[in-house]
Amino acid sequence: MILGLEKYPIVLDQARLEMNPSVIANFVFGLAKTFNAFYTEHSVGKAESEEKKQLRLQLCRFTANVLQSSMSLLGIQVPERM
């Protein structure tokens, strides 16, 4: 998931150069699928240690920010909470 998040600036640049918003849409769809798999396999609230819990919370926050930003660029509003 971290590697996918790391690609965000590259995806934005590619979408800009190609003037193709579907590049962002495809990226955000893939990121959402990856996050879903991560969240299903790794407990955040009941992590094995406090350190792992904090790391997973940070990943969740960062992913939420990237999803929010991507969707905003596409003109799609996202809910505050799910």
C-alpha atoms as a PDB file:
ATOM      1  CA  MET A   1       0.000   0.000   0.000  1.00  0.00           C
ATOM      2  CA  ILE A   2       2.861   2.355   0.787  1.00  0.00           C
ATOM      3  CA  LEU A   3       4.302   1.845  -2.689  1.00  0.00           C
ATOM      4  CA  GLY A   4       0.937   2.728  -4.204  1.00  0.00           C
ATOM      5  CA  LEU A   5       0.682   5.895  -2.124  1.00  0.00           C
ATOM      6  CA  GLU A   6       4.183   6.842  -3.179  1.00  0.00           C
ATOM      7  CA  LYS A   7       3.062   6.881  -6.837  1.00  0.00           C
ATOM      8  CA  TYR A   8       0.456   9.605  -6.269  1.00  0.00           C
ATOM      9  CA  PRO A   9       2.589  12.567  -7.454  1.00  0.00           C
ATOM     10  CA  ILE A  10       3.635  10.611 -10.549  1.00  0.00           C
ATOM     11  CA  VAL A  11      -0.001   9.786 -11.328  1.00  0.00           C
ATOM     12  CA  LEU A  12      -0.983  13.437 -10.993  1.00  0.00           C
ATOM     13  CA  ASP A  13       1.808  14.486 -13.325  1.00  0.00           C
ATOM     14  CA  GLN A  14       0.879  11.825 -15.865  1.00  0.00           C
ATOM     15  CA  ALA A  15      -2.784  12.876 -15.796  1.00  0.00           C
ATOM     16  CA  ARG A  16      -1.743  16.494 -16.286  1.00  0.00           C
ATOM     17  CA  LEU A  17       0.595  15.766 -19.175  1.00  0.00           C
ATOM     18  CA  GLU A  18      -1.921  13.532 -20.938  1.00  0.00           C
ATOM     19  CA  MET A  19      -4.875  15.742 -19.952  1.00  0.00           C
ATOM     20  CA  ASN A  20      -6.549  12.494 -18.962  1.00  0.00           C
ATOM     21  CA  PRO A  21      -8.465  12.363 -15.658  1.00  0.00           C
ATOM     22  CA  SER A  22      -9.050   8.627 -16.062  1.00  0.00           C
ATOM     23  CA  VAL A  23      -5.433   8.128 -14.951  1.00  0.00           C
ATOM     24  CA  ILE A  24      -6.442   9.525 -11.543  1.00  0.00           C
ATOM     25  CA  ALA A  25      -9.690   7.515 -11.524  1.00  0.00           C
ATOM     26  CA  ASN A  26      -7.831   4.260 -12.206  1.00  0.00           C
ATOM     27  CA  PHE A  27      -5.254   5.065  -9.543  1.00  0.00           C
ATOM     28  CA  VAL A  28      -7.835   5.895  -6.881  1.00  0.00           C
ATOM     29  CA  PHE A  29      -9.824   2.734  -7.673  1.00  0.00           C
ATOM     30  CA  GLY A  30      -6.703   0.594  -7.298  1.00  0.00           C
ATOM     31  CA  LEU A  31      -5.724   2.374  -4.087  1.00  0.00           C
ATOM     32  CA  ALA A  32      -9.186   1.804  -2.617  1.00  0.00           C
ATOM     33  CA  LYS A  33      -8.987  -1.915  -3.447  1.00  0.00           C
ATOM     34  CA  THR A  34      -5.519  -2.160  -1.912  1.00  0.00           C
ATOM     35  CA  PHE A  35      -6.636  -0.325   1.223  1.00  0.00           C
ATOM     36  CA  ASN A  36      -9.667  -2.599   1.550  1.00  0.00           C
ATOM     37  CA  ALA A  37      -7.413  -5.674   1.458  1.00  0.00           C
ATOM     38  CA  PHE A  38      -5.046  -4.084   3.995  1.00  0.00           C
ATOM     39  CA  TYR A  39      -7.884  -3.165   6.354  1.00  0.00           C
ATOM     40  CA  THR A  40      -9.407  -6.647   6.070  1.00  0.00           C
ATOM     41  CA  GLU A  41      -6.142  -8.412   6.892  1.00  0.00           C
ATOM     42  CA  HIS A  42      -4.660  -6.081   9.524  1.00  0.00           C
ATOM     43  CA  SER A  43      -6.555  -4.993  12.600  1.00  0.00           C
ATOM     44  CA  VAL A  44      -5.989  -1.318  13.321  1.00  0.00           C
ATOM     45  CA  GLY A  45      -7.754  -0.887  16.654  1.00  0.00           C
ATOM     46  CA  LYS A  46      -6.592  -4.235  18.018  1.00  0.00           C
ATOM     47  CA  ALA A  47      -3.050  -4.262  16.645  1.00  0.00           C
ATOM     48  CA  GLU A  48      -0.441  -6.442  18.307  1.00  0.00           C
ATOM     49  CA  SER A  49       1.390  -3.447  19.759  1.00  0.00           C
ATOM     50  CA  GLU A  50       0.867   0.277  20.241  1.00  0.00           C
ATOM     51  CA  GLU A  51       3.597   0.977  17.683  1.00  0.00           C
ATOM     52  CA  LYS A  52       1.818  -1.096  15.026  1.00  0.00           C
ATOM     53  CA  LYS A  53      -1.470   0.543  15.906  1.00  0.00           C
ATOM     54  CA  GLN A  54      -0.019   4.029  15.431  1.00  0.00           C
ATOM     55  CA  LEU A  55       1.650   3.050  12.152  1.00  0.00           C
ATOM     56  CA  ARG A  56      -1.594   1.580  10.816  1.00  0.00           C
ATOM     57  CA  LEU A  57      -3.533   4.657  11.910  1.00  0.00           C
ATOM     58  CA  GLN A  58      -1.055   6.873  10.063  1.00  0.00           C
ATOM     59  CA  LEU A  59      -1.421   4.723   6.939  1.00  0.00           C
ATOM     60  CA  CYS A  60      -5.200   5.012   7.213  1.00  0.00           C
ATOM     61  CA  ARG A  61      -5.023   8.794   7.569  1.00  0.00           C
ATOM     62  CA  PHE A  62      -2.591   9.189   4.700  1.00  0.00           C
ATOM     63  CA  THR A  63      -4.676   6.932   2.465  1.00  0.00           C
ATOM     64  CA  ALA A  64      -7.827   8.869   3.371  1.00  0.00           C
ATOM     65  CA  ASN A  65      -6.085  12.135   2.460  1.00  0.00           C
ATOM     66  CA  VAL A  66      -4.939  10.806  -0.912  1.00  0.00           C
ATOM     67  CA  LEU A  67      -8.390   9.373  -1.659  1.00  0.00           C
ATOM     68  CA  GLN A  68     -10.025  12.681  -0.669  1.00  0.00           C
ATOM     69  CA  SER A  69      -7.598  14.687  -2.804  1.00  0.00           C
ATOM     70  CA  SER A  70      -7.975  12.394  -5.820  1.00  0.00           C
ATOM     71  CA  MET A  71     -11.740  12.390  -5.658  1.00  0.00           C
ATOM     72  CA  SER A  72     -11.787  16.164  -5.255  1.00  0.00           C
ATOM     73  CA  LEU A  73      -9.693  16.542  -8.407  1.00  0.00           C
ATOM     74  CA  LEU A  74     -12.280  14.418 -10.203  1.00  0.00           C
ATOM     75  CA  GLY A  75     -15.097  16.595  -8.855  1.00  0.00           C
ATOM     76  CA  ILE A  76     -16.491  13.865  -6.608  1.00  0.00           C
ATOM     77  CA  GLN A  77     -17.438  14.602  -3.007  1.00  0.00           C
ATOM     78  CA  VAL A  78     -16.642  11.974  -0.399  1.00  0.00           C
ATOM     79  CA  PRO A  79     -18.384  11.455   2.945  1.00  0.00           C
ATOM     80  CA  GLU A  80     -16.659  12.607   6.129  1.00  0.00           C
ATOM     81  CA  ARG A  81     -17.085   9.162   7.725  1.00  0.00           C
ATOM     82  CA  MET A  82     -18.026   5.712   6.653  1.00  0.00           C
END
